[in-house]
C-alpha atoms as a PDB file:
ATOM      1  CA  MET A   1       0.251  16.210   6.170  1.00  0.00           C
ATOM      2  CA  GLN A   2       3.893  15.976   5.107  1.00  0.00           C
ATOM      3  CA  PHE A   3       4.315  14.243   1.755  1.00  0.00           C
ATOM      4  CA  PRO A   4       5.341  11.656   0.965  1.00  0.00           C
ATOM      5  CA  ILE A   5       3.167   9.697   3.358  1.00  0.00           C
ATOM      6  CA  ILE A   6       5.093   6.748   4.818  1.00  0.00           C
ATOM      7  CA  ALA A   7       3.204   3.474   5.257  1.00  0.00           C
ATOM      8  CA  PRO A   8       5.201   0.756   7.059  1.00  0.00           C
ATOM      9  CA  SER A   9       4.006  -2.739   6.222  1.00  0.00           C
ATOM     10  CA  VAL A  10       3.408  -5.040   9.175  1.00  0.00           C
ATOM     11  CA  LEU A  11       4.204  -8.021   6.933  1.00  0.00           C
ATOM     12  CA  SER A  12       7.803  -7.542   8.088  1.00  0.00           C
ATOM     13  CA  ALA A  13       6.934  -7.242  11.779  1.00  0.00           C
ATOM     14  CA  ASP A  14       7.208  -9.923  14.445  1.00  0.00           C
ATOM     15  CA  PHE A  15       3.796 -11.574  14.138  1.00  0.00           C
ATOM     16  CA  SER A  16       3.895 -12.572  17.821  1.00  0.00           C
ATOM     17  CA  ALA A  17       3.841  -8.872  18.736  1.00  0.00           C
ATOM     18  CA  LEU A  18       1.784  -7.108  16.085  1.00  0.00           C
ATOM     19  CA  GLY A  19       0.109  -4.828  18.613  1.00  0.00           C
ATOM     20  CA  LEU A  20       3.509  -3.496  19.665  1.00  0.00           C
ATOM     21  CA  ALA A  21       4.487  -3.173  16.018  1.00  0.00           C
ATOM     22  CA  VAL A  22       1.588  -0.867  15.150  1.00  0.00           C
ATOM     23  CA  ASN A  23       2.247   1.162  18.313  1.00  0.00           C
ATOM     24  CA  ASN A  24       5.822   1.618  17.137  1.00  0.00           C
ATOM     25  CA  ILE A  25       4.599   2.764  13.737  1.00  0.00           C
ATOM     26  CA  ASP A  26       2.308   5.334  15.360  1.00  0.00           C
ATOM     27  CA  LYS A  27       5.171   6.701  17.465  1.00  0.00           C
ATOM     28  CA  SER A  28       7.597   6.844  14.540  1.00  0.00           C
ATOM     29  CA  GLY A  29       5.856   9.664  12.704  1.00  0.00           C
ATOM     30  CA  ALA A  30       4.506   7.459   9.912  1.00  0.00           C
ATOM     31  CA  GLU A  31       0.927   8.303   8.967  1.00  0.00           C
ATOM     32  CA  TRP A  32      -0.346   5.021   7.543  1.00  0.00           C
ATOM     33  CA  ILE A  33      -0.093   1.317   8.329  1.00  0.00           C
ATOM     34  CA  HIS A  34       0.049  -1.014   5.339  1.00  0.00           C
ATOM     35  CA  LEU A  35      -1.547  -4.441   5.783  1.00  0.00           C
ATOM     36  CA  ASP A  36      -0.728  -7.033   3.129  1.00  0.00           C
ATOM     37  CA  ILE A  37      -3.392  -9.718   2.786  1.00  0.00           C
ATOM     38  CA  MET A  38      -1.994 -12.776   0.996  1.00  0.00           C
ATOM     39  CA  ASP A  39      -4.011 -15.840   0.060  1.00  0.00           C
ATOM     40  CA  GLY A  40      -1.337 -18.264  -1.167  1.00  0.00           C
ATOM     41  CA  VAL A  41      -3.007 -18.268  -4.599  1.00  0.00           C
ATOM     42  CA  PHE A  42      -2.592 -14.841  -6.169  1.00  0.00           C
ATOM     43  CA  VAL A  43       0.796 -14.674  -4.463  1.00  0.00           C
ATOM     44  CA  PRO A  44       2.902 -17.593  -3.164  1.00  0.00           C
ATOM     45  CA  ASN A  45       2.501 -16.819   0.515  1.00  0.00           C
ATOM     46  CA  LEU A  46      -0.061 -16.478   3.316  1.00  0.00           C
ATOM     47  CA  SER A  47      -0.335 -13.627   5.807  1.00  0.00           C
ATOM     48  CA  PHE A  48      -3.461 -12.928   7.870  1.00  0.00           C
ATOM     49  CA  GLY A  49      -7.158 -12.174   7.631  1.00  0.00           C
ATOM     50  CA  PRO A  50      -9.797  -9.691   8.766  1.00  0.00           C
ATOM     51  CA  LYS A  51      -9.710 -10.729  12.432  1.00  0.00           C
ATOM     52  CA  THR A  52      -6.070  -9.671  12.699  1.00  0.00           C
ATOM     53  CA  VAL A  53      -6.909  -6.311  11.142  1.00  0.00           C
ATOM     54  CA  ALA A  54      -9.849  -5.881  13.520  1.00  0.00           C
ATOM     55  CA  ASP A  55      -7.692  -6.773  16.525  1.00  0.00           C
ATOM     56  CA  LEU A  56      -5.013  -4.275  15.472  1.00  0.00           C
ATOM     57  CA  ARG A  57      -7.518  -1.495  14.883  1.00  0.00           C
ATOM     58  CA  SER A  58      -7.814  -0.827  18.624  1.00  0.00           C
ATOM     59  CA  HIS A  59      -4.021  -0.451  18.894  1.00  0.00           C
ATOM     60  CA  SER A  60      -3.637   2.378  16.395  1.00  0.00           C
ATOM     61  CA  GLN A  61      -5.122   5.674  15.263  1.00  0.00           C
ATOM     62  CA  SER A  62      -3.266   5.561  11.927  1.00  0.00           C
ATOM     63  CA  ILE A  63      -4.845   5.120   8.515  1.00  0.00           C
ATOM     64  CA  PHE A  64      -5.187   1.398   7.768  1.00  0.00           C
ATOM     65  CA  ASP A  65      -4.146   0.729   4.183  1.00  0.00           C
ATOM     66  CA  VAL A  66      -5.324  -2.807   3.377  1.00  0.00           C
ATOM     67  CA  HIS A  67      -3.755  -4.368   0.284  1.00  0.00           C
ATOM     68  CA  LEU A  68      -5.612  -7.422  -0.999  1.00  0.00           C
ATOM     69  CA  MET A  69      -3.093  -9.627  -2.790  1.00  0.00           C
ATOM     70  CA  THR A  70      -5.782 -12.223  -3.360  1.00  0.00           C
ATOM     71  CA  GLU A  71      -7.913 -13.879  -5.961  1.00  0.00           C
ATOM     72  CA  HIS A  72     -11.596 -12.859  -5.911  1.00  0.00           C
ATOM     73  CA  PRO A  73     -11.084  -9.640  -3.903  1.00  0.00           C
ATOM     74  CA  GLU A  74     -14.784  -8.868  -4.268  1.00  0.00           C
ATOM     75  CA  GLN A  75     -15.483 -11.643  -1.760  1.00  0.00           C
ATOM     76  CA  LEU A  76     -13.331  -9.989   0.924  1.00  0.00           C
ATOM     77  CA  VAL A  77     -14.188  -6.297   0.680  1.00  0.00           C
ATOM     78  CA  ALA A  78     -17.022  -6.293   3.231  1.00  0.00           C
ATOM     79  CA  GLN A  79     -15.019  -8.277   5.795  1.00  0.00           C
ATOM     80  CA  PHE A  80     -12.063  -5.898   5.706  1.00  0.00           C
ATOM     81  CA  ALA A  81     -14.321  -2.863   5.692  1.00  0.00           C
ATOM     82  CA  ASP A  82     -15.948  -4.175   8.877  1.00  0.00           C
ATOM     83  CA  ALA A  83     -12.495  -4.897  10.325  1.00  0.00           C
ATOM     84  CA  GLY A  84     -11.534  -1.223  10.177  1.00  0.00           C
ATOM     85  CA  ALA A  85      -9.772  -0.642   6.870  1.00  0.00           C
ATOM     86  CA  ASP A  86      -9.639   2.954   5.650  1.00  0.00           C
ATOM     87  CA  TYR A  87      -8.280   2.140   2.192  1.00  0.00           C
ATOM     88  CA  ILE A  88      -8.949  -1.168   0.448  1.00  0.00           C
ATOM     89  CA  THR A  89      -6.711  -1.827  -2.541  1.00  0.00           C
ATOM     90  CA  PHE A  90      -7.138  -4.808  -4.850  1.00  0.00           C
ATOM     91  CA  HIS A  91      -5.193  -6.062  -7.859  1.00  0.00           C
ATOM     92  CA  VAL A  92      -6.617  -5.345 -11.281  1.00  0.00           C
ATOM     93  CA  GLU A  93      -5.044  -8.631 -12.424  1.00  0.00           C
ATOM     94  CA  ALA A  94      -7.169 -10.568  -9.920  1.00  0.00           C
ATOM     95  CA  CYS A  95     -10.663  -9.745 -11.102  1.00  0.00           C
ATOM     96  CA  VAL A  96     -12.724  -9.086 -14.214  1.00  0.00           C
ATOM     97  CA  HIS A  97     -15.246  -6.569 -12.902  1.00  0.00           C
ATOM     98  CA  ALA A  98     -12.916  -4.002 -11.319  1.00  0.00           C
ATOM     99  CA  HIS A  99     -15.487  -1.236 -11.687  1.00  0.00           C
ATOM    100  CA  ARG A 100     -17.950  -3.206  -9.583  1.00  0.00           C
ATOM    101  CA  VAL A 101     -15.338  -3.868  -6.868  1.00  0.00           C
ATOM    102  CA  ILE A 102     -14.555  -0.149  -6.670  1.00  0.00           C
ATOM    103  CA  GLN A 103     -18.252   0.614  -6.300  1.00  0.00           C
ATOM    104  CA  SER A 104     -18.638  -1.930  -3.499  1.00  0.00           C
ATOM    105  CA  ILE A 105     -15.687  -0.455  -1.576  1.00  0.00           C
ATOM    106  CA  LYS A 106     -17.061   3.068  -1.868  1.00  0.00           C
ATOM    107  CA  THR A 107     -20.583   1.964  -0.939  1.00  0.00           C
ATOM    108  CA  LEU A 108     -19.130   0.723   2.351  1.00  0.00           C
ATOM    109  CA  GLY A 109     -17.651   4.173   2.998  1.00  0.00           C
ATOM    110  CA  LYS A 110     -14.033   3.223   2.296  1.00  0.00           C
ATOM    111  CA  LYS A 111     -11.388   4.578  -0.069  1.00  0.00           C
ATOM    112  CA  ALA A 112     -10.816   2.380  -3.125  1.00  0.00           C
ATOM    113  CA  GLY A 113      -7.424   1.537  -4.566  1.00  0.00           C
ATOM    114  CA  ILE A 114      -6.099  -0.528  -7.451  1.00  0.00           C
ATOM    115  CA  SER A 115      -2.676  -2.164  -7.557  1.00  0.00           C
ATOM    116  CA  LEU A 116      -0.520  -3.242 -10.499  1.00  0.00           C
ATOM    117  CA  VAL A 117       2.233  -5.868 -10.424  1.00  0.00           C
ATOM    118  CA  PRO A 118       5.481  -4.968 -12.249  1.00  0.00           C
ATOM    119  CA  SER A 119       4.468  -6.591 -15.545  1.00  0.00           C
ATOM    120  CA  THR A 120       1.088  -4.818 -15.791  1.00  0.00           C
ATOM    121  CA  PRO A 121       0.966  -1.693 -17.994  1.00  0.00           C
ATOM    122  CA  LEU A 122      -0.797   1.478 -16.922  1.00  0.00           C
ATOM    123  CA  ASN A 123      -3.209   1.404 -19.831  1.00  0.00           C
ATOM    124  CA  LEU A 124      -4.996  -1.496 -18.158  1.00  0.00           C
ATOM    125  CA  VAL A 125      -6.361   0.899 -15.509  1.00  0.00           C
ATOM    126  CA  GLU A 126      -6.698   4.195 -17.372  1.00  0.00           C
ATOM    127  CA  GLU A 127     -10.489   3.891 -17.629  1.00  0.00           C
ATOM    128  CA  LEU A 128     -10.686   3.472 -13.858  1.00  0.00           C
ATOM    129  CA  LEU A 129      -8.572   6.458 -12.817  1.00  0.00           C
ATOM    130  CA  PRO A 130     -11.534   8.834 -12.335  1.00  0.00           C
ATOM    131  CA  LEU A 131     -13.131   6.323  -9.956  1.00  0.00           C
ATOM    132  CA  VAL A 132     -10.306   5.435  -7.574  1.00  0.00           C
ATOM    133  CA  ASP A 133      -8.701   7.098  -4.561  1.00  0.00           C
ATOM    134  CA  LEU A 134      -5.310   5.376  -4.864  1.00  0.00           C
ATOM    135  CA  ILE A 135      -3.139   3.572  -7.396  1.00  0.00           C
ATOM    136  CA  LEU A 136      -0.491   1.270  -5.937  1.00  0.00           C
ATOM    137  CA  ILE A 137       2.530   0.563  -8.142  1.00  0.00           C
ATOM    138  CA  MET A 138       4.399  -2.575  -7.135  1.00  0.00           C
ATOM    139  CA  THR A 139       8.160  -2.254  -7.569  1.00  0.00           C
ATOM    140  CA  VAL A 140       8.736  -5.901  -6.655  1.00  0.00           C
ATOM    141  CA  ASN A 141       6.833  -9.020  -7.610  1.00  0.00           C
ATOM    142  CA  PRO A 142       4.450  -9.364  -4.654  1.00  0.00           C
ATOM    143  CA  GLY A 143       4.429 -12.205  -2.174  1.00  0.00           C
ATOM    144  CA  PHE A 144       7.511 -11.752  -0.010  1.00  0.00           C
ATOM    145  CA  GLY A 145       9.071  -8.958   2.019  1.00  0.00           C
ATOM    146  CA  GLY A 146      12.683  -7.851   1.768  1.00  0.00           C
ATOM    147  CA  GLN A 147      13.013  -7.931  -2.022  1.00  0.00           C
ATOM    148  CA  ALA A 148      15.163  -5.542  -4.064  1.00  0.00           C
ATOM    149  CA  LEU A 149      13.428  -2.665  -5.832  1.00  0.00           C
ATOM    150  CA  LEU A 150      12.923  -3.002  -9.592  1.00  0.00           C
ATOM    151  CA  PRO A 151      13.853   0.537 -10.724  1.00  0.00           C
ATOM    152  CA  GLU A 152      12.252   0.150 -14.152  1.00  0.00           C
ATOM    153  CA  CYS A 153       8.847   0.134 -12.428  1.00  0.00           C
ATOM    154  CA  LEU A 154       9.260   3.649 -11.036  1.00  0.00           C
ATOM    155  CA  ALA A 155       8.521   5.335 -14.358  1.00  0.00           C
ATOM    156  CA  LYS A 156       4.918   4.153 -14.037  1.00  0.00           C
ATOM    157  CA  ALA A 157       4.548   6.169 -10.838  1.00  0.00           C
ATOM    158  CA  GLY A 158       5.906   9.285 -12.528  1.00  0.00           C
ATOM    159  CA  ARG A 159       3.571   8.848 -15.496  1.00  0.00           C
ATOM    160  CA  LEU A 160       0.619   8.487 -13.147  1.00  0.00           C
ATOM    161  CA  VAL A 161       1.519  11.700 -11.325  1.00  0.00           C
ATOM    162  CA  ARG A 162       1.658  13.583 -14.636  1.00  0.00           C
ATOM    163  CA  LEU A 163      -1.518  11.959 -15.940  1.00  0.00           C
ATOM    164  CA  ARG A 164      -3.357  12.887 -12.744  1.00  0.00           C
ATOM    165  CA  GLU A 165      -2.445  16.536 -13.284  1.00  0.00           C
ATOM    166  CA  GLU A 166      -3.412  16.456 -16.961  1.00  0.00           C
ATOM    167  CA  LEU A 167      -6.823  14.952 -16.179  1.00  0.00           C
ATOM    168  CA  GLY A 168      -7.481  17.044 -13.075  1.00  0.00           C
ATOM    169  CA  LEU A 169      -7.921  13.991 -10.862  1.00  0.00           C
ATOM    170  CA  LYS A 170      -7.123  13.516  -7.167  1.00  0.00           C
ATOM    171  CA  PHE A 171      -6.103   9.889  -6.623  1.00  0.00           C
ATOM    172  CA  LEU A 172      -2.962   9.184  -4.607  1.00  0.00           C
ATOM    173  CA  VAL A 173       0.020   7.416  -6.154  1.00  0.00           C
ATOM    174  CA  SER A 174       1.608   4.807  -3.905  1.00  0.00           C
ATOM    175  CA  VAL A 175       4.798   2.782  -4.459  1.00  0.00           C
ATOM    176  CA  ASP A 176       5.555  -0.520  -2.713  1.00  0.00           C
ATOM    177  CA  GLY A 177       8.624  -2.740  -2.831  1.00  0.00           C
ATOM    178  CA  GLY A 178      12.282  -2.464  -1.882  1.00  0.00           C
ATOM    179  CA  ILE A 179      12.011   1.091  -0.551  1.00  0.00           C
ATOM    180  CA  ASN A 180      14.627   1.970   2.058  1.00  0.00           C
ATOM    181  CA  THR A 181      17.076   4.761   2.848  1.00  0.00           C
ATOM    182  CA  ALA A 182      19.355   3.613   0.008  1.00  0.00           C
ATOM    183  CA  THR A 183      16.620   3.678  -2.658  1.00  0.00           C
ATOM    184  CA  VAL A 184      14.197   6.330  -1.442  1.00  0.00           C
ATOM    185  CA  ALA A 185      15.878   9.267  -3.213  1.00  0.00           C
ATOM    186  CA  LEU A 186      15.379   7.480  -6.536  1.00  0.00           C
ATOM    187  CA  VAL A 187      11.730   6.793  -5.668  1.00  0.00           C
ATOM    188  CA  ARG A 188      11.047  10.367  -4.567  1.00  0.00           C
ATOM    189  CA  LYS A 189      12.208  11.670  -7.976  1.00  0.00           C
ATOM    190  CA  GLU A 190       8.910  10.392  -9.394  1.00  0.00           C
ATOM    191  CA  HIS A 191       6.940  12.355  -6.743  1.00  0.00           C
ATOM    192  CA  PRO A 192       4.643   9.603  -5.439  1.00  0.00           C
ATOM    193  CA  ASP A 193       2.332  10.457  -2.551  1.00  0.00           C
ATOM    194  CA  VAL A 194       2.728   7.278  -0.488  1.00  0.00           C
ATOM    195  CA  LEU A 195       5.797   5.116   0.124  1.00  0.00           C
ATOM    196  CA  VAL A 196       5.281   1.616   1.517  1.00  0.00           C
ATOM    197  CA  THR A 197       8.273   0.233   3.399  1.00  0.00           C
ATOM    198  CA  GLY A 198       8.583  -3.043   5.253  1.00  0.00           C
ATOM    199  CA  SER A 199      11.733  -4.793   6.403  1.00  0.00           C
ATOM    200  CA  ALA A 200      13.773  -1.549   6.334  1.00  0.00           C
ATOM    201  CA  PHE A 201      11.438   0.083   8.869  1.00  0.00           C
ATOM    202  CA  PHE A 202      11.512  -2.807  11.320  1.00  0.00           C
ATOM    203  CA  ALA A 203      15.279  -3.190  10.978  1.00  0.00           C
ATOM    204  CA  ALA A 204      15.910   0.488  11.740  1.00  0.00           C
ATOM    205  CA  LYS A 205      17.507   1.202  15.121  1.00  0.00           C
ATOM    206  CA  ASP A 206      15.750   4.575  15.314  1.00  0.00           C
ATOM    207  CA  SER A 207      12.326   4.434  13.658  1.00  0.00           C
ATOM    208  CA  GLN A 208      11.698   8.177  13.998  1.00  0.00           C
ATOM    209  CA  LEU A 209      14.979   8.981  12.257  1.00  0.00           C
ATOM    210  CA  PHE A 210      14.159   6.420   9.586  1.00  0.00           C
ATOM    211  CA  ILE A 211      10.829   8.123   8.838  1.00  0.00           C
ATOM    212  CA  ARG A 212      12.480  11.549   8.636  1.00  0.00           C
ATOM    213  CA  GLU A 213      15.067  10.170   6.218  1.00  0.00           C
ATOM    214  CA  MET A 214      12.339   8.596   4.089  1.00  0.00           C
ATOM    215  CA  LYS A 215      10.573  11.956   3.874  1.00  0.00           C
ATOM    216  CA  GLY A 216      13.812  13.748   3.051  1.00  0.00           C
ATOM    217  CA  LEU A 217      13.778  15.712   6.286  1.00  0.00           C
ATOM    218  CA  SER A 218      17.124  14.470   7.650  1.00  0.00           C
END
């Protein structure tokens, strides 16, 4: 697999044609599909639920990267696992017993991820690093697509990459927020494994060229 992995977020797609949107992602050369689940409580917006994920599963062979931007993520893990998620990522700020949530995700045979909003320091999740498959660094305050990248957040991704090597761990480092062809070179300097992109992907006239540019291949 060519790193970085590109994971377009369907939050920025036309919701009346989500099946076509995931087909377009598959054809573009992107490896993952990012699915933002918003509850209107943890973030000030609503998106969609497990039925939408289940309906989209038959339209795509890509990895489904489900991002729970919700309160009480432990109550949703089983539903999204059944819906076809490959990765289930929850916010450490949204629950007390993060260790237990990770265990429940893995028990269901899924990859477990933890996400941090821009104001959350890395030391809040250091004890969990040996347990997770992915750490998602938010480079915008979550809740809306199309926001500008907060460059000061990128250092956290770089520190995670170095810490992973020091500790001999294997989790993936993902970055989400404001990533497009104008900002991607700055993001890639920190060597993250996964880049989540939303409005920039769906606005691109040539999605295959866009993916190559995001990977630094064009």
